[in-house]
Amino acid sequence: YTWDKTNTANLSFTAYVKKSNITLLRDNLASAPVVPDPVTPVSLTSSTYTVDQTDAPISKIAAGTTIETLTPAFQNGSVAIYNGDSPVTTGILTTGMTVKIYDGSGNYVTDYKIAITGDVNGDSAISGTDIVQINRSILKKVTLSGAYFASADTNGDGKITGTDIVIINRYLLKKSSI
């Protein structure tokens, strides 16, 4: 069975086994067999960050947010942060890191990429380099997708436009926050 990680609505599955493939080990059970509790679906929720459960990144994370700040902000399961294949327990988050989700028993459930608003190149800072990346995207020189698209869409309108550049410029000039 291949599990579609975007389908978290029902984590209960039924499997069938041929009777001929079953070996009876004991037939004198003193009591009824133990039926395990049904699996409770794990969904990542936060009152601070935007979590789109359809395979989109976790967005609306401010530049400079640390791992120690992010991980306690979620409920309904435990999380671990990865940079590539390496687990990371401290430090500043960058666009492109991964949040892995585990259920109450410690079993892996799914993962999400992190999108730091304005950190388009994934270096944990908002700078002119991010403006260059947005500009290159607008000019169709590069295609931003996933967490990098979400980080470039600073106003959250679902598009990458000159407005996103203006927002970063104002932030760099200390005229507004993102």
C-alpha atoms as a PDB file:
ATOM      1  CA  TYR A   1       0.000   0.000   0.000  1.00  0.00           C
ATOM      2  CA  THR A   2       1.358   3.408  -0.950  1.00  0.00           C
ATOM      3  CA  TRP A   3       0.254   6.161   1.426  1.00  0.00           C
ATOM      4  CA  ASP A   4      -0.586   9.551  -0.080  1.00  0.00           C
ATOM      5  CA  LYS A   5       0.794  12.004   2.517  1.00  0.00           C
ATOM      6  CA  THR A   6      -1.650  14.680   1.333  1.00  0.00           C
ATOM      7  CA  ASN A   7      -4.585  12.495   2.412  1.00  0.00           C
ATOM      8  CA  THR A   8      -4.653  12.879   6.183  1.00  0.00           C
ATOM      9  CA  ALA A   9      -8.440  12.742   6.459  1.00  0.00           C
ATOM     10  CA  ASN A  10      -8.494   9.026   7.237  1.00  0.00           C
ATOM     11  CA  LEU A  11      -5.481   7.179   8.564  1.00  0.00           C
ATOM     12  CA  SER A  12      -7.396   3.932   9.150  1.00  0.00           C
ATOM     13  CA  PHE A  13      -6.623   1.225   6.619  1.00  0.00           C
ATOM     14  CA  THR A  14      -7.870  -2.311   6.061  1.00  0.00           C
ATOM     15  CA  ALA A  15      -5.608  -5.077   4.805  1.00  0.00           C
ATOM     16  CA  TYR A  16      -6.629  -8.544   3.690  1.00  0.00           C
ATOM     17  CA  VAL A  17      -4.535 -11.707   3.993  1.00  0.00           C
ATOM     18  CA  LYS A  18      -5.312 -15.067   2.429  1.00  0.00           C
ATOM     19  CA  LYS A  19      -6.348 -17.673   4.994  1.00  0.00           C
ATOM     20  CA  SER A  20      -3.744 -20.030   3.517  1.00  0.00           C
ATOM     21  CA  ASN A  21      -1.002 -17.535   4.487  1.00  0.00           C
ATOM     22  CA  ILE A  22      -1.939 -17.559   8.183  1.00  0.00           C
ATOM     23  CA  THR A  23      -0.390 -19.949  10.673  1.00  0.00           C
ATOM     24  CA  LEU A  24      -2.334 -20.518  13.887  1.00  0.00           C
ATOM     25  CA  LEU A  25       0.086 -20.401  16.797  1.00  0.00           C
ATOM     26  CA  ARG A  26      -2.393 -20.877  19.618  1.00  0.00           C
ATOM     27  CA  ASP A  27      -6.095 -21.673  19.550  1.00  0.00           C
ATOM     28  CA  ASN A  28      -6.976 -21.627  23.244  1.00  0.00           C
ATOM     29  CA  LEU A  29      -7.149 -17.907  24.009  1.00  0.00           C
ATOM     30  CA  ALA A  30      -8.468 -17.341  27.528  1.00  0.00           C
ATOM     31  CA  SER A  31      -9.924 -13.957  26.612  1.00  0.00           C
ATOM     32  CA  ALA A  32     -10.892 -11.967  23.579  1.00  0.00           C
ATOM     33  CA  PRO A  33      -8.034 -10.681  21.467  1.00  0.00           C
ATOM     34  CA  VAL A  34      -6.793  -7.188  22.187  1.00  0.00           C
ATOM     35  CA  VAL A  35      -7.957  -4.717  19.566  1.00  0.00           C
ATOM     36  CA  PRO A  36      -5.581  -1.782  19.195  1.00  0.00           C
ATOM     37  CA  ASP A  37      -6.916   1.731  19.524  1.00  0.00           C
ATOM     38  CA  PRO A  38      -7.603   3.395  16.195  1.00  0.00           C
ATOM     39  CA  VAL A  39      -4.881   5.700  14.918  1.00  0.00           C
ATOM     40  CA  THR A  40      -5.599   9.355  15.557  1.00  0.00           C
ATOM     41  CA  PRO A  41      -4.661  11.472  12.561  1.00  0.00           C
ATOM     42  CA  VAL A  42      -1.844  13.896  13.263  1.00  0.00           C
ATOM     43  CA  SER A  43      -2.198  17.380  11.865  1.00  0.00           C
ATOM     44  CA  LEU A  44       0.237  20.174  12.483  1.00  0.00           C
ATOM     45  CA  THR A  45      -1.477  23.276  13.813  1.00  0.00           C
ATOM     46  CA  SER A  46      -0.227  26.620  15.037  1.00  0.00           C
ATOM     47  CA  SER A  47      -1.815  29.902  16.011  1.00  0.00           C
ATOM     48  CA  THR A  48       1.328  31.734  14.846  1.00  0.00           C
ATOM     49  CA  TYR A  49       2.355  30.128  11.558  1.00  0.00           C
ATOM     50  CA  THR A  50       0.450  29.181   8.419  1.00  0.00           C
ATOM     51  CA  VAL A  51       0.417  25.423   7.842  1.00  0.00           C
ATOM     52  CA  ASP A  52      -1.155  24.333   4.569  1.00  0.00           C
ATOM     53  CA  GLN A  53      -1.825  20.592   4.929  1.00  0.00           C
ATOM     54  CA  THR A  54      -1.789  20.059   1.131  1.00  0.00           C
ATOM     55  CA  ASP A  55       1.995  19.672   0.787  1.00  0.00           C
ATOM     56  CA  ALA A  56       2.673  23.418   0.777  1.00  0.00           C
ATOM     57  CA  PRO A  57       5.391  24.881   3.006  1.00  0.00           C
ATOM     58  CA  ILE A  58       4.936  26.273   6.490  1.00  0.00           C
ATOM     59  CA  SER A  59       4.894  30.000   5.840  1.00  0.00           C
ATOM     60  CA  LYS A  60       4.586  33.363   7.593  1.00  0.00           C
ATOM     61  CA  ILE A  61       7.787  32.683   9.534  1.00  0.00           C
ATOM     62  CA  ALA A  62       9.753  35.872  10.272  1.00  0.00           C
ATOM     63  CA  ALA A  63      13.444  36.180   9.472  1.00  0.00           C
ATOM     64  CA  GLY A  64      15.563  35.435  12.531  1.00  0.00           C
ATOM     65  CA  THR A  65      13.111  32.870  13.952  1.00  0.00           C
ATOM     66  CA  THR A  66      14.994  30.160  15.802  1.00  0.00           C
ATOM     67  CA  ILE A  67      14.344  26.446  15.966  1.00  0.00           C
ATOM     68  CA  GLU A  68      13.824  26.824  19.708  1.00  0.00           C
ATOM     69  CA  THR A  69      10.996  29.300  19.018  1.00  0.00           C
ATOM     70  CA  LEU A  70       9.349  27.354  16.191  1.00  0.00           C
ATOM     71  CA  THR A  71       9.078  23.832  17.572  1.00  0.00           C
ATOM     72  CA  PRO A  72       6.987  24.586  20.706  1.00  0.00           C
ATOM     73  CA  ALA A  73       4.516  26.607  18.598  1.00  0.00           C
ATOM     74  CA  PHE A  74       2.927  23.454  17.166  1.00  0.00           C
ATOM     75  CA  GLN A  75       0.374  21.091  18.635  1.00  0.00           C
ATOM     76  CA  ASN A  76      -0.927  17.590  17.765  1.00  0.00           C
ATOM     77  CA  GLY A  77       2.364  15.740  17.412  1.00  0.00           C
ATOM     78  CA  SER A  78       6.075  16.265  17.852  1.00  0.00           C
ATOM     79  CA  VAL A  79       8.325  17.903  15.289  1.00  0.00           C
ATOM     80  CA  ALA A  80      11.993  17.762  14.327  1.00  0.00           C
ATOM     81  CA  ILE A  81      13.852  20.216  12.088  1.00  0.00           C
ATOM     82  CA  TYR A  82      16.214  19.034   9.345  1.00  0.00           C
ATOM     83  CA  ASN A  83      18.642  20.858   7.106  1.00  0.00           C
ATOM     84  CA  GLY A  84      18.923  18.432   4.228  1.00  0.00           C
ATOM     85  CA  ASP A  85      19.409  14.995   5.827  1.00  0.00           C
ATOM     86  CA  SER A  86      20.880  16.366   9.059  1.00  0.00           C
ATOM     87  CA  PRO A  87      18.754  17.021  12.145  1.00  0.00           C
ATOM     88  CA  VAL A  88      19.172  20.511  13.606  1.00  0.00           C
ATOM     89  CA  THR A  89      18.200  21.352  17.179  1.00  0.00           C
ATOM     90  CA  THR A  90      19.375  24.957  17.582  1.00  0.00           C
ATOM     91  CA  GLY A  91      19.963  28.028  15.466  1.00  0.00           C
ATOM     92  CA  ILE A  92      18.176  30.253  12.993  1.00  0.00           C
ATOM     93  CA  LEU A  93      15.728  28.776  10.506  1.00  0.00           C
ATOM     94  CA  THR A  94      16.267  29.159   6.761  1.00  0.00           C
ATOM     95  CA  THR A  95      13.960  28.762   3.800  1.00  0.00           C
ATOM     96  CA  GLY A  96      14.155  25.185   2.552  1.00  0.00           C
ATOM     97  CA  MET A  97      14.681  23.465   5.919  1.00  0.00           C
ATOM     98  CA  THR A  98      12.265  20.613   6.666  1.00  0.00           C
ATOM     99  CA  VAL A  99       9.883  20.099   9.581  1.00  0.00           C
ATOM    100  CA  LYS A 100       9.290  16.374  10.116  1.00  0.00           C
ATOM    101  CA  ILE A 101       6.157  15.406  12.026  1.00  0.00           C
ATOM    102  CA  TYR A 102       5.817  12.406  14.341  1.00  0.00           C
ATOM    103  CA  ASP A 103       2.723  11.005  16.025  1.00  0.00           C
ATOM    104  CA  GLY A 104       2.349  10.398  19.763  1.00  0.00           C
ATOM    105  CA  SER A 105       4.216   7.078  19.440  1.00  0.00           C
ATOM    106  CA  GLY A 106       7.175   8.660  17.662  1.00  0.00           C
ATOM    107  CA  ASN A 107       6.243   7.293  14.221  1.00  0.00           C
ATOM    108  CA  TYR A 108       7.054   9.499  11.218  1.00  0.00           C
ATOM    109  CA  VAL A 109       3.903  10.952   9.641  1.00  0.00           C
ATOM    110  CA  THR A 110       4.861  13.602   7.068  1.00  0.00           C
ATOM    111  CA  ASP A 111       7.037  16.632   6.523  1.00  0.00           C
ATOM    112  CA  TYR A 112       6.836  20.229   5.358  1.00  0.00           C
ATOM    113  CA  LYS A 113       9.377  22.697   3.999  1.00  0.00           C
ATOM    114  CA  ILE A 114       9.935  25.987   5.816  1.00  0.00           C
ATOM    115  CA  ALA A 115       9.401  29.350   4.092  1.00  0.00           C
ATOM    116  CA  ILE A 116      10.936  32.355   5.847  1.00  0.00           C
ATOM    117  CA  THR A 117       9.085  35.409   4.531  1.00  0.00           C
ATOM    118  CA  GLY A 118      11.577  37.400   2.425  1.00  0.00           C
ATOM    119  CA  ASP A 119      14.434  34.844   2.639  1.00  0.00           C
ATOM    120  CA  VAL A 120      14.158  33.797  -1.007  1.00  0.00           C
ATOM    121  CA  ASN A 121      17.670  32.361  -1.360  1.00  0.00           C
ATOM    122  CA  GLY A 122      17.622  30.349   1.881  1.00  0.00           C
ATOM    123  CA  ASP A 123      20.543  32.016   3.676  1.00  0.00           C
ATOM    124  CA  SER A 124      18.476  32.991   6.777  1.00  0.00           C
ATOM    125  CA  ALA A 125      18.748  36.730   6.076  1.00  0.00           C
ATOM    126  CA  ILE A 126      16.725  39.225   4.081  1.00  0.00           C
ATOM    127  CA  SER A 127      18.985  41.201   1.772  1.00  0.00           C
ATOM    128  CA  GLY A 128      19.402  42.619  -1.709  1.00  0.00           C
ATOM    129  CA  THR A 129      20.159  39.102  -2.932  1.00  0.00           C
ATOM    130  CA  ASP A 130      16.556  38.138  -2.192  1.00  0.00           C
ATOM    131  CA  ILE A 131      15.337  41.147  -4.194  1.00  0.00           C
ATOM    132  CA  VAL A 132      17.507  39.996  -7.105  1.00  0.00           C
ATOM    133  CA  GLN A 133      15.910  36.515  -6.924  1.00  0.00           C
ATOM    134  CA  ILE A 134      12.396  37.997  -6.942  1.00  0.00           C
ATOM    135  CA  ASN A 135      13.316  40.260  -9.858  1.00  0.00           C
ATOM    136  CA  ARG A 136      14.742  37.287 -11.789  1.00  0.00           C
ATOM    137  CA  SER A 137      11.484  35.434 -11.138  1.00  0.00           C
ATOM    138  CA  ILE A 138       9.383  38.343 -12.400  1.00  0.00           C
ATOM    139  CA  LEU A 139      11.560  38.500 -15.531  1.00  0.00           C
ATOM    140  CA  LYS A 140      11.099  34.714 -15.938  1.00  0.00           C
ATOM    141  CA  LYS A 141      14.852  34.065 -15.655  1.00  0.00           C
ATOM    142  CA  VAL A 142      14.239  31.610 -12.782  1.00  0.00           C
ATOM    143  CA  THR A 143      11.197  29.761 -11.559  1.00  0.00           C
ATOM    144  CA  LEU A 144      10.552  29.867  -7.838  1.00  0.00           C
ATOM    145  CA  SER A 145       8.421  27.091  -6.398  1.00  0.00           C
ATOM    146  CA  GLY A 146       7.441  25.567  -3.083  1.00  0.00           C
ATOM    147  CA  ALA A 147       9.042  27.203  -0.055  1.00  0.00           C
ATOM    148  CA  TYR A 148      11.046  29.602  -2.223  1.00  0.00           C
ATOM    149  CA  PHE A 149       7.887  30.876  -3.944  1.00  0.00           C
ATOM    150  CA  ALA A 150       6.150  31.265  -0.564  1.00  0.00           C
ATOM    151  CA  SER A 151       9.117  33.204   0.838  1.00  0.00           C
ATOM    152  CA  ALA A 152       9.159  35.535  -2.193  1.00  0.00           C
ATOM    153  CA  ASP A 153       5.415  36.213  -1.915  1.00  0.00           C
ATOM    154  CA  THR A 154       5.938  38.639   0.966  1.00  0.00           C
ATOM    155  CA  ASN A 155       2.408  40.066   0.875  1.00  0.00           C
ATOM    156  CA  GLY A 156       0.755  36.629   0.663  1.00  0.00           C
ATOM    157  CA  ASP A 157      -1.355  37.330  -2.430  1.00  0.00           C
ATOM    158  CA  GLY A 158      -0.285  34.132  -4.221  1.00  0.00           C
ATOM    159  CA  LYS A 159       1.797  36.015  -6.818  1.00  0.00           C
ATOM    160  CA  ILE A 160       5.354  37.270  -7.096  1.00  0.00           C
ATOM    161  CA  THR A 161       5.286  40.900  -8.223  1.00  0.00           C
ATOM    162  CA  GLY A 162       7.044  44.221  -7.830  1.00  0.00           C
ATOM    163  CA  THR A 163       5.005  44.739  -4.652  1.00  0.00           C
ATOM    164  CA  ASP A 164       7.025  41.972  -2.996  1.00  0.00           C
ATOM    165  CA  ILE A 165      10.232  43.803  -3.944  1.00  0.00           C
ATOM    166  CA  VAL A 166       8.872  47.048  -2.474  1.00  0.00           C
ATOM    167  CA  ILE A 167       8.024  45.267   0.791  1.00  0.00           C
ATOM    168  CA  ILE A 168      11.571  43.913   1.127  1.00  0.00           C
ATOM    169  CA  ASN A 169      13.056  47.311   0.185  1.00  0.00           C
ATOM    170  CA  ARG A 170      10.994  49.009   2.899  1.00  0.00           C
ATOM    171  CA  TYR A 171      12.134  46.349   5.376  1.00  0.00           C
ATOM    172  CA  LEU A 172      15.806  46.843   4.464  1.00  0.00           C
ATOM    173  CA  LEU A 173      15.415  50.614   4.839  1.00  0.00           C
ATOM    174  CA  LYS A 174      13.845  49.999   8.281  1.00  0.00           C
ATOM    175  CA  LYS A 175      10.623  51.721   7.206  1.00  0.00           C
ATOM    176  CA  SER A 176       8.403  48.694   7.908  1.00  0.00           C
ATOM    177  CA  SER A 177       8.459  45.106   9.039  1.00  0.00           C
ATOM    178  CA  ILE A 178       7.572  42.016   7.070  1.00  0.00           C
END
